[in-house]
Amino acid sequence: MLTKHEKELIAKIWDKMIPVASDIGAECLLRMMTTFPGTKTYFAHLDIRPGSPHLRSHGKKIVLAIAECSKDISSMMVTLAPLQTLHAYKLRIDPCNFKLLCHCILVTLAAHMGDEFDPVAHAAMDKYLSAFAAVLAEKYR
């Protein structure tokens, strides 16, 4: 699915996002909840105002999980297994929301990376995030 060059590019991008994980993650979540208001229902117990500690904390967890998977994309199923179970059985998140979040992540990366997020990076990241969302949704089948 991904070439060696694309895998290296994805890992490089996510490595750059680790220091700003809270900012990027919070912006992605806020973008998702603003664009797709139905996704807020899963966060009713949290303070989801812009810049809130809850939003920043959860956003950071998301970015770090994506970054961790980018280090070895071929073992994504193993890396994400605990999150698959958590989201499918305990949190009961509608798997369609993973795709919505991934779209918001693409938009956020494009906004922050500017020219560095060229068409090659965009296409590679889109493929990677699509695989990420599919793996998270695997337990629902």
C-alpha atoms as a PDB file:
ATOM      1  CA  MET A   1       0.000   0.000   0.000  1.00  0.00           C
ATOM      2  CA  LEU A   2       2.764   2.444   0.929  1.00  0.00           C
ATOM      3  CA  THR A   3       6.159   2.645  -0.732  1.00  0.00           C
ATOM      4  CA  LYS A   4       9.349   2.744   1.309  1.00  0.00           C
ATOM      5  CA  HIS A   5       9.668   6.462   0.505  1.00  0.00           C
ATOM      6  CA  GLU A   6       6.100   7.138   1.660  1.00  0.00           C
ATOM      7  CA  LYS A   7       6.676   5.253   4.920  1.00  0.00           C
ATOM      8  CA  GLU A   8       9.813   7.285   5.587  1.00  0.00           C
ATOM      9  CA  LEU A   9       7.979  10.514   4.771  1.00  0.00           C
ATOM     10  CA  ILE A  10       5.097   9.641   7.102  1.00  0.00           C
ATOM     11  CA  ALA A  11       7.454   8.750   9.955  1.00  0.00           C
ATOM     12  CA  LYS A  12       9.352  12.007   9.416  1.00  0.00           C
ATOM     13  CA  ILE A  13       6.158  14.083   9.512  1.00  0.00           C
ATOM     14  CA  TRP A  14       4.869  12.437  12.688  1.00  0.00           C
ATOM     15  CA  ASP A  15       8.270  12.742  14.333  1.00  0.00           C
ATOM     16  CA  LYS A  16       7.966  16.512  13.799  1.00  0.00           C
ATOM     17  CA  MET A  17       4.472  16.503  15.331  1.00  0.00           C
ATOM     18  CA  ILE A  18       5.498  14.867  18.629  1.00  0.00           C
ATOM     19  CA  PRO A  19       6.771  18.117  20.257  1.00  0.00           C
ATOM     20  CA  VAL A  20       3.489  19.862  19.379  1.00  0.00           C
ATOM     21  CA  ALA A  21       1.233  16.838  19.928  1.00  0.00           C
ATOM     22  CA  SER A  22      -1.100  18.632  22.350  1.00  0.00           C
ATOM     23  CA  ASP A  23      -1.605  21.568  19.998  1.00  0.00           C
ATOM     24  CA  ILE A  24      -2.078  19.507  16.837  1.00  0.00           C
ATOM     25  CA  GLY A  25      -4.269  16.922  18.546  1.00  0.00           C
ATOM     26  CA  ALA A  26      -6.500  19.496  20.222  1.00  0.00           C
ATOM     27  CA  GLU A  27      -6.927  21.359  16.944  1.00  0.00           C
ATOM     28  CA  CYS A  28      -7.859  18.139  15.120  1.00  0.00           C
ATOM     29  CA  LEU A  29     -10.456  17.238  17.752  1.00  0.00           C
ATOM     30  CA  LEU A  30     -11.883  20.750  17.834  1.00  0.00           C
ATOM     31  CA  ARG A  31     -12.044  20.817  14.029  1.00  0.00           C
ATOM     32  CA  MET A  32     -13.858  17.464  14.041  1.00  0.00           C
ATOM     33  CA  MET A  33     -16.378  18.516  16.704  1.00  0.00           C
ATOM     34  CA  THR A  34     -17.029  21.816  14.948  1.00  0.00           C
ATOM     35  CA  THR A  35     -17.397  20.327  11.477  1.00  0.00           C
ATOM     36  CA  PHE A  36     -19.199  17.168  12.609  1.00  0.00           C
ATOM     37  CA  PRO A  37     -21.153  18.178  15.763  1.00  0.00           C
ATOM     38  CA  GLY A  38     -22.482  14.653  16.289  1.00  0.00           C
ATOM     39  CA  THR A  39     -19.001  13.584  17.372  1.00  0.00           C
ATOM     40  CA  LYS A  40     -19.300  15.723  20.517  1.00  0.00           C
ATOM     41  CA  THR A  41     -21.553  13.108  22.111  1.00  0.00           C
ATOM     42  CA  TYR A  42     -18.538  10.920  22.862  1.00  0.00           C
ATOM     43  CA  PHE A  43     -16.919  13.750  24.800  1.00  0.00           C
ATOM     44  CA  ALA A  44     -19.908  14.936  26.859  1.00  0.00           C
ATOM     45  CA  HIS A  45     -18.056  14.197  30.104  1.00  0.00           C
ATOM     46  CA  LEU A  46     -15.076  16.378  29.130  1.00  0.00           C
ATOM     47  CA  ASP A  47     -14.447  20.091  28.846  1.00  0.00           C
ATOM     48  CA  ILE A  48     -14.116  20.454  25.086  1.00  0.00           C
ATOM     49  CA  ARG A  49     -13.711  24.206  24.844  1.00  0.00           C
ATOM     50  CA  PRO A  50     -10.780  25.394  22.706  1.00  0.00           C
ATOM     51  CA  GLY A  51      -7.545  25.051  24.647  1.00  0.00           C
ATOM     52  CA  SER A  52      -9.088  23.073  27.501  1.00  0.00           C
ATOM     53  CA  PRO A  53      -6.813  20.624  29.344  1.00  0.00           C
ATOM     54  CA  HIS A  54      -9.118  17.711  28.455  1.00  0.00           C
ATOM     55  CA  LEU A  55      -9.021  18.502  24.735  1.00  0.00           C
ATOM     56  CA  ARG A  56      -5.256  18.980  24.760  1.00  0.00           C
ATOM     57  CA  SER A  57      -4.690  15.786  26.734  1.00  0.00           C
ATOM     58  CA  HIS A  58      -6.856  13.596  24.518  1.00  0.00           C
ATOM     59  CA  GLY A  59      -5.481  15.233  21.382  1.00  0.00           C
ATOM     60  CA  LYS A  60      -1.962  14.490  22.534  1.00  0.00           C
ATOM     61  CA  LYS A  61      -2.852  10.813  23.076  1.00  0.00           C
ATOM     62  CA  ILE A  62      -4.194  10.600  19.536  1.00  0.00           C
ATOM     63  CA  VAL A  63      -1.155  12.223  17.934  1.00  0.00           C
ATOM     64  CA  LEU A  64       1.248  10.081  19.953  1.00  0.00           C
ATOM     65  CA  ALA A  65      -0.608   6.890  18.962  1.00  0.00           C
ATOM     66  CA  ILE A  66      -0.481   7.867  15.291  1.00  0.00           C
ATOM     67  CA  ALA A  67       3.192   8.790  15.604  1.00  0.00           C
ATOM     68  CA  GLU A  68       3.994   5.489  17.317  1.00  0.00           C
ATOM     69  CA  CYS A  69       2.324   3.523  14.528  1.00  0.00           C
ATOM     70  CA  SER A  70       4.230   5.491  11.906  1.00  0.00           C
ATOM     71  CA  LYS A  71       7.519   4.073  13.223  1.00  0.00           C
ATOM     72  CA  ASP A  72       6.569   0.566  12.053  1.00  0.00           C
ATOM     73  CA  ILE A  73       3.513   0.699   9.832  1.00  0.00           C
ATOM     74  CA  SER A  74       3.651  -3.024   9.096  1.00  0.00           C
ATOM     75  CA  SER A  75       2.846  -3.832  12.738  1.00  0.00           C
ATOM     76  CA  MET A  76      -0.041  -1.359  13.030  1.00  0.00           C
ATOM     77  CA  MET A  77      -2.531  -4.125  13.950  1.00  0.00           C
ATOM     78  CA  VAL A  78      -0.429  -5.140  16.959  1.00  0.00           C
ATOM     79  CA  THR A  79       0.321  -1.570  18.016  1.00  0.00           C
ATOM     80  CA  LEU A  80      -3.341  -0.537  17.873  1.00  0.00           C
ATOM     81  CA  ALA A  81      -4.848  -3.709  19.377  1.00  0.00           C
ATOM     82  CA  PRO A  82      -5.459  -2.149  22.826  1.00  0.00           C
ATOM     83  CA  LEU A  83      -7.046   0.942  21.253  1.00  0.00           C
ATOM     84  CA  GLN A  84      -9.230  -1.223  19.004  1.00  0.00           C
ATOM     85  CA  THR A  85     -10.657  -3.005  22.027  1.00  0.00           C
ATOM     86  CA  LEU A  86     -11.076   0.187  24.046  1.00  0.00           C
ATOM     87  CA  HIS A  87     -12.915   2.080  21.315  1.00  0.00           C
ATOM     88  CA  ALA A  88     -15.064  -0.850  20.145  1.00  0.00           C
ATOM     89  CA  TYR A  89     -16.087  -2.498  23.403  1.00  0.00           C
ATOM     90  CA  LYS A  90     -15.705   0.014  26.205  1.00  0.00           C
ATOM     91  CA  LEU A  91     -16.256   3.407  24.573  1.00  0.00           C
ATOM     92  CA  ARG A  92     -18.465   2.084  21.757  1.00  0.00           C
ATOM     93  CA  ILE A  93     -17.346   4.732  19.299  1.00  0.00           C
ATOM     94  CA  ASP A  94     -19.077   4.658  15.917  1.00  0.00           C
ATOM     95  CA  PRO A  95     -16.262   3.567  13.560  1.00  0.00           C
ATOM     96  CA  CYS A  96     -17.332   6.177  10.988  1.00  0.00           C
ATOM     97  CA  ASN A  97     -15.898   8.768  13.348  1.00  0.00           C
ATOM     98  CA  PHE A  98     -12.368   7.459  12.792  1.00  0.00           C
ATOM     99  CA  LYS A  99     -12.613   8.501   9.142  1.00  0.00           C
ATOM    100  CA  LEU A 100     -13.964  11.910  10.127  1.00  0.00           C
ATOM    101  CA  LEU A 101     -11.097  12.451  12.543  1.00  0.00           C
ATOM    102  CA  CYS A 102      -8.544  11.360   9.950  1.00  0.00           C
ATOM    103  CA  HIS A 103      -9.945  13.892   7.496  1.00  0.00           C
ATOM    104  CA  CYS A 104      -9.598  16.616  10.133  1.00  0.00           C
ATOM    105  CA  ILE A 105      -6.043  15.496  10.826  1.00  0.00           C
ATOM    106  CA  LEU A 106      -5.187  15.909   7.119  1.00  0.00           C
ATOM    107  CA  VAL A 107      -6.628  19.426   7.106  1.00  0.00           C
ATOM    108  CA  THR A 108      -4.771  20.341  10.298  1.00  0.00           C
ATOM    109  CA  LEU A 109      -1.465  19.003   8.991  1.00  0.00           C
ATOM    110  CA  ALA A 110      -1.922  20.935   5.738  1.00  0.00           C
ATOM    111  CA  ALA A 111      -2.652  24.128   7.675  1.00  0.00           C
ATOM    112  CA  HIS A 112       0.407  23.763   9.908  1.00  0.00           C
ATOM    113  CA  MET A 113       2.934  22.383   7.462  1.00  0.00           C
ATOM    114  CA  GLY A 114       2.228  24.695   4.534  1.00  0.00           C
ATOM    115  CA  ASP A 115       4.381  23.994   1.462  1.00  0.00           C
ATOM    116  CA  GLU A 116       6.041  21.068   3.204  1.00  0.00           C
ATOM    117  CA  PHE A 117       2.711  19.221   2.970  1.00  0.00           C
ATOM    118  CA  ASP A 118       2.983  18.863  -0.781  1.00  0.00           C
ATOM    119  CA  PRO A 119       0.821  16.553  -2.932  1.00  0.00           C
ATOM    120  CA  VAL A 120       3.171  13.608  -2.351  1.00  0.00           C
ATOM    121  CA  ALA A 121       3.047  14.055   1.432  1.00  0.00           C
ATOM    122  CA  HIS A 122      -0.721  14.586   1.302  1.00  0.00           C
ATOM    123  CA  ALA A 123      -1.320  11.414  -0.713  1.00  0.00           C
ATOM    124  CA  ALA A 124       0.978   9.341   1.504  1.00  0.00           C
ATOM    125  CA  MET A 125      -0.628  10.674   4.672  1.00  0.00           C
ATOM    126  CA  ASP A 126      -4.110  10.073   3.305  1.00  0.00           C
ATOM    127  CA  LYS A 127      -3.255   6.428   2.604  1.00  0.00           C
ATOM    128  CA  TYR A 128      -1.665   6.043   6.029  1.00  0.00           C
ATOM    129  CA  LEU A 129      -4.564   7.609   7.925  1.00  0.00           C
ATOM    130  CA  SER A 130      -7.068   5.544   5.933  1.00  0.00           C
ATOM    131  CA  ALA A 131      -5.223   2.410   7.034  1.00  0.00           C
ATOM    132  CA  PHE A 132      -5.086   3.728  10.604  1.00  0.00           C
ATOM    133  CA  ALA A 133      -8.870   4.278  10.654  1.00  0.00           C
ATOM    134  CA  ALA A 134      -9.506   0.871   9.079  1.00  0.00           C
ATOM    135  CA  VAL A 135      -7.360  -0.885  11.673  1.00  0.00           C
ATOM    136  CA  LEU A 136      -9.132   0.913  14.533  1.00  0.00           C
ATOM    137  CA  ALA A 137     -12.469  -0.190  13.084  1.00  0.00           C
ATOM    138  CA  GLU A 138     -11.365  -3.825  12.663  1.00  0.00           C
ATOM    139  CA  LYS A 139     -12.940  -5.027  15.945  1.00  0.00           C
ATOM    140  CA  TYR A 140     -16.360  -3.914  14.745  1.00  0.00           C
ATOM    141  CA  ARG A 141     -16.492  -6.625  12.071  1.00  0.00           C
END
